[in-house]
Protein backbone atom coordinates (compact mmCIF):
# COMPACT_ATOMS: atom_id res chain seq x y z
CA MET A 1 113.46 -50.56 38.61
CA THR A 2 116.32 -52.80 40.36
CA GLN A 3 116.33 -53.64 43.88
CA GLU A 4 119.32 -51.90 44.66
CA GLN A 5 118.33 -48.73 43.18
CA ALA A 6 114.95 -49.32 45.04
CA ARG A 7 116.95 -49.83 48.17
CA LYS A 8 118.83 -46.61 48.01
CA LEU A 9 116.33 -44.02 47.13
CA SER A 10 114.12 -45.82 49.97
CA SER A 11 116.70 -45.62 52.11
CA ARG A 12 117.89 -41.88 51.63
CA LEU A 13 114.42 -40.85 51.83
CA GLN A 14 113.98 -42.74 55.57
CA GLN A 15 116.87 -40.66 56.22
CA ILE A 16 115.72 -37.32 55.28
CA ILE A 17 112.43 -37.85 57.10
CA ALA A 18 114.37 -38.50 60.05
CA GLN A 19 116.35 -35.28 59.48
CA ASP A 20 113.55 -33.29 58.80
CA GLN A 21 112.00 -34.35 62.44
CA ILE A 22 115.34 -33.63 63.74
CA ASP A 23 115.53 -30.15 62.20
CA THR A 24 111.76 -29.17 62.80
CA GLY A 25 111.83 -30.74 66.80
CA PHE A 26 108.96 -33.19 65.84
CA GLU A 27 107.93 -35.27 68.97
CA GLU A 28 105.12 -37.55 67.60
CA ASP A 29 106.04 -41.26 67.31
CA ARG A 30 104.56 -41.15 63.25
CA GLN A 31 105.75 -43.87 61.23
CA PHE A 32 105.62 -43.10 57.06
CA ASN A 33 105.10 -46.14 54.84
CA ILE A 34 107.89 -45.81 51.42
CA GLU A 35 107.17 -47.03 48.75
CA THR A 36 108.92 -47.18 45.19
CA ALA A 37 106.91 -46.24 41.69
CA THR A 38 108.51 -46.55 38.33
CA PHE A 39 107.22 -44.39 35.16
CA PRO A 40 108.41 -45.59 31.76
CA PHE A 41 108.10 -42.80 30.08
CA SER A 42 108.49 -42.02 25.55
CA VAL A 43 109.96 -39.02 23.89
CA LYS A 44 109.46 -37.94 20.49
CA ALA A 45 111.05 -34.64 19.36
CA THR A 46 111.10 -32.64 16.67
CA VAL A 47 113.97 -30.47 16.02
CA THR A 48 114.86 -28.21 13.08
CA PHE A 49 118.02 -26.63 12.93
CA GLU A 50 117.58 -22.71 11.94
CA LYS A 51 119.67 -19.76 11.44
CA GLU A 52 119.62 -15.94 12.69
CA VAL A 53 120.97 -13.73 10.40
CA VAL A 54 122.63 -10.50 11.27
CA GLU A 55 124.02 -7.76 9.10
CA ASP A 56 126.60 -5.25 10.78
CA THR A 57 128.92 -2.43 8.86
CA ALA A 58 132.22 -3.46 8.55
CA PRO A 59 135.53 -2.49 6.41
CA PRO A 60 134.81 -3.37 2.70
CA ASP A 61 137.06 -5.82 2.38
CA SER A 62 135.39 -8.25 0.09
CA ARG A 63 134.06 -7.30 -4.14
CA ASP A 64 131.25 -9.52 -3.05
CA THR A 65 127.92 -8.57 -3.72
CA ARG A 66 125.25 -9.78 -1.28
CA THR A 67 123.59 -11.97 -2.95
CA GLU A 68 127.11 -13.81 -3.37
CA ALA A 69 127.46 -13.47 0.51
CA LEU A 70 124.33 -14.86 1.06
CA ALA A 71 125.33 -17.74 -1.21
CA LYS A 72 128.40 -18.82 0.37
CA LEU A 73 126.83 -18.60 3.96
CA ASP A 74 123.90 -21.29 2.63
CA ARG A 75 126.64 -23.23 1.28
CA THR A 76 128.76 -23.25 4.64
CA PHE A 77 125.09 -24.04 6.29
CA HIS A 78 124.30 -26.92 4.13
CA ASP A 79 127.45 -28.20 4.63
CA ARG A 80 126.87 -28.80 8.26
CA ILE A 81 123.83 -29.62 7.97
CA ASN A 82 124.54 -32.79 5.72
CA GLY A 83 126.90 -34.05 8.47
CA ASP A 84 126.22 -35.86 11.27
CA TRP A 85 124.53 -32.91 13.65
CA LEU A 86 121.37 -34.74 14.94
CA GLU A 87 123.74 -37.37 16.33
CA ALA A 88 125.99 -35.03 17.47
CA TYR A 89 123.09 -32.97 19.23
CA ILE A 90 121.11 -35.80 20.94
CA SER A 91 124.26 -37.33 22.43
CA ASP A 92 125.44 -33.89 23.68
CA PRO A 93 122.21 -32.30 25.02
CA THR A 94 124.49 -29.42 26.73
CA GLN A 95 125.73 -28.12 23.70
CA ASP A 96 129.55 -28.09 24.99
CA GLY A 97 130.89 -30.87 23.18
CA LYS A 98 130.47 -33.05 19.95
CA PHE A 99 127.46 -30.32 18.98
CA GLU A 100 129.54 -27.21 19.61
CA ARG A 101 131.32 -27.20 16.50
CA PHE A 102 128.16 -27.33 14.62
CA LYS A 103 126.65 -24.28 16.42
CA GLU A 104 129.75 -21.98 16.25
CA PRO A 105 128.54 -18.78 14.05
CA PHE A 106 130.11 -17.88 10.68
CA SER A 107 129.73 -15.41 8.24
CA ALA A 108 130.55 -13.69 5.18
CA SER A 109 131.26 -9.82 3.99
CA HIS A 110 130.23 -8.00 0.58
CA SER A 111 130.32 -4.81 -0.30
CA ARG A 112 128.59 -2.05 -2.26
CA THR A 113 128.94 1.42 -4.10
CA CYS A 114 128.71 4.40 -1.87
CA GLU A 115 125.33 5.62 -2.18
CA SER A 116 126.49 9.07 -0.78
CA CYS A 117 129.80 9.85 -3.15
CA ASN A 118 128.57 6.95 -5.88
CA GLY A 119 132.19 5.67 -5.70
CA ALA A 120 133.90 9.14 -5.90
CA ARG A 121 135.23 8.90 -2.36
CA LYS A 122 134.90 12.59 -1.78
CA LEU A 123 131.97 15.11 -1.17
CA ARG A 124 131.77 18.37 -1.89
CA CYS A 125 132.55 20.67 0.97
CA ARG A 126 129.27 21.73 2.66
CA SER A 127 130.59 24.98 4.37
CA CYS A 128 132.28 26.84 0.53
CA GLY A 129 129.99 24.69 -1.49
CA GLY A 130 133.41 23.61 -3.42
CA ARG A 131 134.01 27.50 -3.56
CA ARG A 132 137.52 26.48 -1.72
CA VAL A 133 136.79 30.22 -0.39
CA VAL A 134 134.35 31.63 2.63
CA ARG A 135 133.37 35.28 3.21
CA CYS A 136 135.37 37.05 5.56
CA THR A 137 133.73 37.15 9.03
CA SER A 138 136.45 39.62 10.72
CA CYS A 139 135.53 42.57 8.24
CA SER A 140 133.08 44.60 5.81
CA ASN A 141 134.12 44.59 1.93
CA GLY A 142 138.06 44.11 2.84
CA HIS A 143 138.28 46.78 5.15
CA VAL A 144 138.38 47.23 9.45
CA ALA A 145 137.85 49.97 11.16
CA CYS A 146 141.21 51.71 12.23
CA THR A 147 142.48 51.48 16.19
CA ASN A 148 144.30 54.44 16.11
CA CYS A 149 141.72 57.35 15.41
CA ASP A 150 138.63 55.04 16.27
CA GLY A 151 137.54 55.09 12.54
CA SER A 152 137.20 59.03 12.53
CA GLY A 153 140.44 59.53 10.49
CA MET A 154 141.84 62.06 13.01
CA LEU A 155 144.08 60.90 16.29
CA ARG A 156 143.61 62.15 19.66
CA CYS A 157 144.69 65.51 20.34
CA ILE A 158 147.91 65.31 22.60
CA GLY A 159 146.83 68.68 24.60
CA CYS A 160 143.35 67.90 25.78
CA GLY A 161 143.16 64.21 25.47
CA GLY A 162 140.82 64.15 22.77
CA THR A 163 137.54 66.17 25.17
CA GLY A 164 138.59 69.73 23.21
CA ARG A 165 138.35 71.36 26.80
CA GLN A 166 141.61 72.37 28.90
CA ASP A 167 141.77 73.59 32.49
CA TYR A 168 143.34 76.64 33.48
CA SER A 169 144.12 78.56 36.93
CA GLU A 170 143.02 82.57 37.07
CA ASN A 171 142.72 84.94 40.09
CA VAL A 172 139.55 86.14 40.47
CA PRO A 173 139.16 89.32 42.58
CA TYR A 174 136.09 89.57 45.40
CA ARG A 175 134.80 91.87 48.00
CA GLY A 176 135.66 91.16 51.57
CA VAL A 177 134.36 93.02 54.67
CA GLY A 178 134.70 96.53 55.06
CA GLY A 179 134.95 96.68 51.36
CA GLN A 180 138.21 95.78 50.96
CA THR A 181 138.95 93.67 47.51
CA PHE A 182 140.62 90.25 47.96
CA TYR A 183 141.73 87.87 44.70
CA ARG A 184 141.26 83.76 45.02
CA LEU A 185 142.72 81.36 42.57
CA GLU A 186 140.03 79.14 40.71
CA THR A 187 140.57 76.91 38.25
CA ARG A 188 138.37 77.37 34.83
CA THR A 189 137.83 75.48 31.34
CA ARG A 190 138.03 76.34 28.09
CA ALA A 191 138.42 75.13 24.42
CA CYS A 192 141.41 73.67 23.58
CA SER A 193 143.87 75.96 21.61
CA GLY A 194 145.38 72.92 19.83
CA CYS A 195 142.33 71.13 18.45
CA GLY A 196 139.95 74.29 18.46
CA GLY A 197 137.85 72.56 20.88
CA LYS A 198 137.24 69.45 18.71
CA GLY A 199 139.40 66.69 20.39
CA ARG A 200 141.48 65.62 17.16
CA SER A 201 143.93 68.04 15.74
CA ILE A 202 146.67 65.42 13.54
CA TYR A 203 145.52 63.76 10.31
CA CYS A 204 145.74 59.43 10.95
CA GLY A 205 148.05 57.92 8.14
CA CYS A 206 144.94 55.31 7.42
CA GLN A 207 142.08 55.84 4.98
CA ASN A 208 139.27 57.68 6.11
CA GLY A 209 139.42 55.67 9.74
CA SER A 210 139.69 52.50 8.22
CA ARG A 211 142.88 49.80 7.28
CA VAL A 212 142.74 47.03 4.92
CA CYS A 213 141.70 43.55 7.03
CA PRO A 214 144.49 41.81 8.02
CA SER A 215 142.59 38.43 7.76
CA CYS A 216 141.25 38.41 4.04
CA ALA A 217 144.13 41.26 2.34
CA GLY A 218 141.18 43.22 1.38
CA ARG A 219 139.79 40.25 -0.63
CA SER A 220 136.73 39.96 1.57
CA GLU A 221 137.34 36.26 1.22
CA VAL A 222 139.35 33.65 2.97
CA GLN A 223 140.71 30.30 2.79
CA CYS A 224 137.81 27.59 3.60
CA GLY A 225 138.61 26.07 6.75
CA GLY A 226 136.00 23.05 6.33
CA CYS A 227 137.97 21.66 3.38
CA SER A 228 141.00 23.07 3.68
CA GLY A 229 141.16 24.92 0.28
CA THR A 230 140.35 21.84 -1.61
CA GLY A 231 136.86 22.48 -2.39
CA GLU A 232 136.09 18.66 -0.82
CA ASN A 233 135.71 16.45 1.72
CA VAL A 234 136.87 12.56 2.71
CA CYS A 235 133.01 11.08 2.26
CA SER A 236 132.41 10.15 6.27
CA THR A 237 129.58 7.13 4.92
CA CYS A 238 132.55 5.17 3.02
CA GLN A 239 135.93 6.96 4.79
CA GLY A 240 137.33 7.66 1.28
CA ALA A 241 136.95 3.73 0.21
CA GLY A 242 134.38 4.67 -2.27
CA ASP A 243 132.90 1.35 -1.23
CA GLU A 244 130.51 0.22 1.87
CA GLY A 245 130.99 -2.73 3.73
CA PHE A 246 128.70 -5.54 5.49
CA LYS A 247 129.26 -8.51 7.40
CA LEU A 248 126.47 -11.42 7.40
CA THR A 249 126.64 -13.58 10.01
CA TYR A 250 124.63 -16.61 10.40
CA THR A 251 123.63 -18.03 14.09
CA PRO A 252 123.02 -21.56 14.18
CA VAL A 253 120.03 -22.19 16.36
CA ILE A 254 117.71 -25.31 17.40
CA ASP A 255 113.84 -25.62 17.89
CA GLU A 256 113.14 -28.66 19.35
CA ASN A 257 109.25 -29.32 20.15
CA THR A 258 109.01 -32.13 22.85
CA GLN A 259 106.46 -34.24 23.65
CA LEU A 260 106.68 -37.02 26.55
CA ALA A 261 104.20 -39.71 27.07
CA CYS A 262 103.54 -42.28 29.91
CA GLU A 263 100.87 -45.01 29.07
CA PRO A 264 100.37 -46.20 32.97
CA ASP A 265 99.72 -42.54 34.84
CA GLN A 266 100.34 -39.03 32.39
CA SER A 267 98.52 -36.99 34.97
CA THR A 268 100.89 -38.08 37.63
CA PHE A 269 103.74 -38.09 35.29
CA ASP A 270 103.37 -34.82 34.38
CA ARG A 271 102.46 -33.49 37.90
CA TYR A 272 105.80 -35.26 39.37
CA MET A 273 107.71 -33.33 36.21
CA ARG A 274 106.35 -29.40 37.84
CA GLU A 275 106.62 -30.45 41.21
CA VAL A 276 109.35 -33.12 42.17
CA PRO A 277 113.30 -31.52 41.75
CA GLY A 278 114.99 -33.14 39.21
CA PHE A 279 112.49 -36.20 38.64
CA LEU A 280 113.64 -36.41 34.63
CA GLU A 281 117.27 -35.43 35.93
CA GLN A 282 117.85 -38.84 37.53
CA LYS A 283 120.67 -41.17 35.71
CA THR A 284 117.62 -43.61 34.79
CA ALA A 285 115.51 -40.76 33.27
CA LEU A 286 118.96 -39.86 30.79
CA GLN A 287 119.13 -43.50 29.92
CA ARG A 288 118.22 -43.77 26.74
CA GLN A 289 116.55 -46.86 25.23
CA ASN A 290 116.15 -48.00 21.67
CA LEU A 291 117.16 -44.69 20.50
CA LYS A 292 115.74 -43.81 16.96
CA TYR A 293 116.61 -40.40 15.00
CA ARG A 294 116.72 -39.54 11.24
CA ALA A 295 117.54 -35.89 9.99
CA GLU A 296 116.59 -34.77 6.53
CA GLY A 297 118.38 -31.14 5.84
CA ALA A 298 117.60 -28.75 8.82
CA ASN A 299 114.84 -30.82 9.80
CA GLY A 300 115.21 -33.93 12.51
CA GLN A 301 113.31 -36.66 14.59
CA TYR A 302 114.57 -38.71 17.80
CA ARG A 303 112.83 -41.28 19.85
CA TYR A 304 113.35 -43.12 22.88
CA ASN A 305 112.36 -44.69 25.99
CA ALA A 306 113.68 -43.88 28.87
CA VAL A 307 112.30 -44.78 32.75
CA ALA A 308 111.78 -42.32 35.89
CA HIS A 309 111.83 -43.65 39.41
CA THR A 310 110.40 -42.26 42.89
CA ALA A 311 110.22 -43.10 46.48
CA ARG A 312 107.01 -41.94 48.15
CA ALA A 313 106.72 -41.76 51.81
CA SER A 314 102.95 -41.75 53.13
CA GLY A 315 101.15 -40.92 56.22
CA SER A 316 97.39 -40.60 56.72
CA GLU A 317 97.35 -37.95 54.40
CA THR A 318 95.87 -38.66 51.18
CA ASP A 319 99.00 -37.85 48.99
CA PRO A 320 102.26 -38.66 49.32
CA ALA A 321 104.06 -36.73 51.97
CA LEU A 322 107.12 -36.33 50.42
CA ILE A 323 108.41 -37.94 46.74
CA LEU A 324 111.62 -38.13 46.17
CA GLY A 325 112.40 -38.12 42.39
CA HIS A 326 116.48 -37.61 42.33
CA GLU A 327 119.70 -39.05 43.87
CA SER A 328 121.00 -35.89 45.46
CA MET A 329 117.84 -33.30 45.38
CA GLU A 330 115.90 -32.17 47.91
CA PRO A 331 112.37 -34.28 47.73
CA TYR A 332 108.92 -32.55 47.34
CA ARG A 333 107.07 -32.15 50.79
CA SER A 334 103.29 -31.94 50.67
CA PRO A 335 101.42 -28.70 52.34
CA GLU A 336 100.05 -31.01 55.13
CA TYR A 337 103.64 -32.80 55.63
CA LEU A 338 104.90 -28.91 56.00
CA ASP A 339 102.05 -27.91 58.18
CA ARG A 340 102.31 -30.99 60.82
CA ILE A 341 105.88 -30.81 61.11
CA SER A 342 106.27 -27.15 61.70
CA ALA A 343 103.17 -27.26 64.13
CA ARG A 344 105.48 -26.89 67.36
CA THR A 345 107.33 -24.01 65.74
CA VAL A 346 104.18 -22.30 65.17
CA GLN A 347 102.32 -23.19 68.37
CA LEU A 348 105.90 -21.80 70.64
CA LEU A 349 105.87 -18.88 68.18
CA GLU A 350 102.19 -17.77 68.86
CA ASP A 351 102.74 -18.50 72.87
CA ASP A 352 105.99 -16.60 72.48
CA ALA A 353 107.91 -19.22 74.41
CA LEU A 354 111.00 -18.24 72.61
CA ALA A 355 113.47 -19.95 74.85
CA ASP A 356 111.76 -23.26 73.97
CA LEU A 357 113.09 -22.78 69.97
CA LYS A 358 116.57 -22.95 71.20
CA THR A 359 116.58 -26.59 71.23
CA TYR A 360 116.32 -27.60 67.53
CA PRO A 361 117.34 -26.14 64.24
CA LEU A 362 114.50 -24.78 63.04
CA GLY A 363 113.62 -23.27 66.30
CA GLN A 364 117.29 -21.46 66.43
CA ALA A 365 116.45 -20.27 62.77
CA CYS A 366 113.39 -18.15 63.54
CA LEU A 367 115.31 -17.31 66.94
CA GLU A 368 118.07 -15.77 65.04
CA ALA A 369 115.39 -14.22 62.67
CA ILE A 370 113.71 -12.69 65.55
CA ARG A 371 117.04 -11.29 67.19
CA ASN A 372 117.80 -9.63 63.48
CA LYS A 373 116.09 -6.89 61.61
CA PRO A 374 113.78 -7.68 58.45
CA PRO A 375 114.00 -8.91 55.90
CA PHE A 376 114.09 -12.26 57.89
CA ASP A 377 115.43 -15.11 56.27
CA LEU A 378 115.58 -18.41 57.75
CA GLY A 379 118.69 -19.46 55.60
CA GLY A 380 118.85 -23.34 55.54
CA MET A 381 115.64 -23.78 57.31
CA SER A 382 113.35 -21.83 54.36
CA LYS A 383 112.52 -25.53 53.06
CA PHE A 384 110.25 -25.85 55.88
CA ASP A 385 108.63 -22.64 55.22
CA PRO A 386 107.96 -22.35 51.48
CA GLY A 387 104.40 -19.90 52.45
CA GLN A 388 106.05 -17.43 54.60
CA GLN A 389 104.23 -18.76 57.39
CA LEU A 390 107.00 -18.97 60.19
CA THR A 391 108.66 -15.99 58.42
CA ASN A 392 105.37 -13.85 59.47
CA LEU A 393 105.01 -15.29 62.77
CA ALA A 394 108.48 -14.65 63.86
CA ALA A 395 108.05 -10.92 62.57
CA GLN A 396 105.15 -10.90 65.05
CA ALA A 397 107.23 -12.53 67.74
CA ARG A 398 109.51 -10.08 67.53
CA LYS A 399 107.36 -6.69 68.01
CA ARG A 400 105.78 -8.08 70.93
CA LEU A 401 109.40 -8.83 72.77
CA ALA A 402 110.11 -5.46 71.61
CA LEU A 403 107.20 -3.71 73.54
CA LYS A 404 107.85 -6.34 76.72
CA LEU A 405 111.41 -5.26 77.13
CA THR A 406 110.48 -1.76 76.80
CA GLU A 407 107.21 -1.89 78.96
CA GLY A 408 106.55 0.78 81.33
CA GLU A 409 109.65 2.88 79.67
CA SER A 410 107.26 5.76 78.62
CA ARG A 411 105.71 6.13 81.57
CA SER A 412 108.95 6.82 83.48
CA ILE A 413 110.12 9.17 80.80
CA ALA A 414 107.16 11.21 80.66
CA ILE A 415 107.94 11.37 84.45
CA LEU A 416 111.07 12.98 84.22
CA CYS A 417 110.23 15.18 81.48
CA GLY A 418 107.18 16.49 84.00
CA LEU A 419 109.39 16.76 86.81
CA ALA A 420 112.33 18.38 85.03
CA PHE A 421 109.41 21.00 83.77
CA ALA A 422 108.50 21.86 86.97
CA ALA A 423 111.73 22.30 88.62
CA LEU A 424 112.99 24.56 85.87
CA LEU A 425 110.24 26.81 85.89
CA LEU A 426 109.99 27.26 89.54
CA VAL A 427 113.70 28.24 89.48
CA LEU A 428 112.61 30.52 86.64
CA LEU A 429 109.56 32.31 88.52
CA ILE A 430 111.34 32.80 91.89
CA PRO A 431 113.07 36.24 91.60
CA THR A 432 116.86 35.61 92.88
CA SER A 433 118.57 38.71 95.17
CA SER A 434 120.74 41.23 92.58
CA SER A 435 123.88 40.97 95.09
CA ILE A 436 123.98 36.73 94.49
CA SER A 437 127.56 36.34 92.59
CA SER A 438 127.81 35.05 88.66
CA LEU A 439 129.20 31.76 89.83
CA LEU A 440 126.28 31.10 92.25
CA ALA A 441 123.87 32.21 89.63
CA LYS A 442 125.19 29.39 87.11
CA VAL A 443 125.02 26.91 89.79
CA TYR A 444 121.36 28.15 91.10
CA PHE A 445 120.15 27.57 87.48
CA GLY A 446 122.47 25.00 86.56
CA ILE A 447 121.13 22.39 89.34
CA PRO A 448 117.89 21.82 87.49
CA ILE A 449 118.87 22.01 84.16
CA TYR A 450 122.43 19.66 84.25
CA GLY A 451 120.49 17.51 87.10
CA ALA A 452 117.74 16.40 84.65
CA TRP A 453 119.98 15.14 82.44
CA VAL A 454 122.16 13.41 84.91
CA ALA A 455 118.58 11.78 85.94
CA TRP A 456 117.97 11.21 82.34
CA PHE A 457 121.53 9.22 81.92
CA LEU A 458 120.99 7.12 85.26
CA GLN A 459 117.32 6.09 83.56
CA SER A 460 118.77 5.14 80.75
CA LYS A 461 121.75 3.02 82.30
CA LYS A 462 118.79 1.49 84.43
CA ARG A 463 116.63 0.91 81.43
CA ARG A 464 119.14 -1.40 79.75
CA GLU A 465 119.24 -3.04 82.48
CA LYS A 466 116.21 -3.80 82.98
CA ARG A 467 115.45 -4.64 79.25
CA SER A 468 118.39 -7.21 79.56
CA GLN A 469 117.12 -9.13 82.75
CA ARG A 470 113.53 -9.25 80.85
CA ALA A 471 115.38 -10.86 77.69
CA LEU A 472 116.92 -13.23 79.74
CA GLU A 473 113.53 -14.09 81.13
CA ALA A 474 111.86 -14.39 77.65
CA ILE A 475 114.75 -16.14 75.47
CA GLY A 476 117.30 -17.40 77.93
CA GLU A 477 120.10 -14.83 76.79
CA GLU A 478 120.42 -11.26 76.25
CA VAL A 479 119.05 -9.75 73.13
CA GLU A 480 119.39 -6.24 71.69
CA ILE A 481 116.14 -5.09 70.17
CA GLY A 482 116.54 -1.53 68.24
CA THR A 483 114.15 0.78 69.27
CA ALA A 484 113.97 4.87 69.37
CA VAL A 485 113.39 5.21 73.07
CA LEU A 486 116.78 6.97 73.73
CA LYS A 487 116.37 9.56 71.12
CA THR A 488 112.80 9.96 72.02
CA SER A 489 113.55 10.53 75.60
CA ALA A 490 116.51 13.28 74.93
CA ALA A 491 114.27 14.72 72.52
CA SER A 492 111.29 15.36 75.05
CA LEU A 493 113.49 16.28 77.80
CA ALA A 494 114.60 19.23 75.84
CA VAL A 495 112.22 20.16 74.40
CA ALA A 496 110.16 19.85 78.03
CA GLN A 497 113.24 22.47 79.63
CA ALA A 498 112.58 24.45 76.67
CA PHE A 499 109.17 24.76 77.03
CA ALA A 500 110.03 25.52 80.27
CA PHE A 501 111.77 28.92 79.49
CA VAL A 502 108.61 29.53 77.28
CA VAL A 503 106.35 29.19 80.20
CA ALA A 504 108.56 31.42 82.57
CA ALA A 505 108.81 34.43 79.88
CA GLN A 506 105.71 34.71 78.96
CA VAL A 507 104.56 34.86 82.89
CA ASN A 508 107.09 37.69 83.88
CA GLY A 509 110.29 37.27 82.25
CA SER A 510 113.11 35.09 81.91
CA GLN A 511 115.32 35.12 85.54
CA VAL A 512 118.05 34.31 83.27
CA CYS A 513 118.66 37.26 81.34
CA ARG A 514 118.67 40.72 83.01
CA PHE A 515 117.52 42.50 79.69
CA GLU A 516 114.71 45.17 79.28
CA ARG A 517 113.72 43.86 75.71
CA GLY A 518 110.12 42.65 75.83
CA VAL A 519 109.28 38.96 76.72
CA TRP A 520 110.14 37.26 73.25
CA ASP A 521 113.74 38.73 73.90
CA ASN A 522 114.06 37.67 77.46
CA THR A 523 112.51 33.90 76.40
CA VAL A 524 114.83 33.61 73.11
CA CYS A 525 117.93 34.61 75.39
CA GLY A 526 117.10 31.91 77.65
CA ILE A 527 116.93 28.92 75.38
CA GLY A 528 119.98 30.27 73.66
CA GLU A 529 121.93 29.71 77.42
CA TYR A 530 120.03 27.10 77.81
CA LEU A 531 121.35 25.28 73.85
CA PHE A 532 124.72 26.16 74.25
CA GLY A 533 124.67 24.46 78.01
CA LEU A 534 123.54 21.37 76.70
CA THR A 535 126.20 21.75 73.55
CA LEU A 536 128.77 21.65 76.65
CA LEU A 537 127.29 18.91 78.20
CA PHE A 538 127.07 16.21 75.11
CA HIS A 539 130.09 17.35 74.04
């Protein structure tokens, strides 16, 4: 490691430590010993240039057999692996530059005689079995029932409409008062004189009630619609080509087995590979020294040496507190370091000293999480909370803050509902004079109903003012913690007043409704008028 490179890593790690202390509000005067470490390592890799084969159906554009198509693909593949593929792969680890032309898929087509039609291109029609005609479904033996005579051979009688009966009028004598004879006109029925009561009188011009089928012209068979009368259909497998086509595609892929060895300290090297961000992506780790490679067909090997560097900050802990392994990525932060540097934030959240969180970035992120609804997110400060401890504490602090802001509200809501119930029940139980006007009656019953809702509105306004004042005391600013108190209080008041109607009806009937249908009718009527009034109030 050059002195310049060591100085840059050490300088950047010092800047990260200083920024961490600013972000977390770390107030201790704590010094860290920064040292650099070098990890020379060797890489030995075995590379296999393999191919994945995919076969799909395609138009039969080639007369080659499958064996011939595979032979073409193998020749193309061998041409590729006989080139400088390993050199291109080593110099292009991302496979987007020099190696890209080696990994492009390549294809070959082949065909074979269609197994469905055996090369005939057509198949016998399944509907008619090759006969070209099918049985007519509109008739029976080439004839259909005559529609004029309904298959009877005789037309309906015009005189009786086919009923066989006729109506006629007749004067019928009857004896009245004093024995005098009178006549009345009555309608009676008799057998039709035109058809003799049969309902049909004229022969139809059909053949005993049937006619020749218009669909098949009496042949009992019609042209097959499945093959248009040809007796054959185009083979659906080869689409009339006689051959089935296939497309074979080779997709070259790299299978690499890499071994990294660091003789000075293999265990530490392996640990840094797992935990330190960008440890093997730093510039010096990508600079290959003493590179040697050898390819034999589709198999190849290469090896080289490289060096990885780290800057480590140590305090009183046994393991390094921070490990920087890349020029621009974040360092590894040990759990002990994170616990120590976030201890102030943890203490403030546990003590509900939320106003003090506004003085540094991590505290501000926690305060923002408390303001917002779950799920909580610390944003850019989440690097100090890998174990979600601060997030969980912020969620608990939000719950405690909500309880503090709404303290005493349930009791005041209960008192309001109790008073509203008592006032309305008292008015409903006290009888009113029958001479009282309709307008005065509405005012008399409206005061305890709508007066309670006016009190509820004023109480809700006062409740919001108290929340704002308590938020200023707790956080130093107004904050809205969403609760269901508003909806719950409105529902409780409505239930309390409705229950007053029920109780009054059970005692002596509602004074609002003066129906004599029993207690239940009075109760329904009172509650109905109450709900209608609430609708007018809220609209």
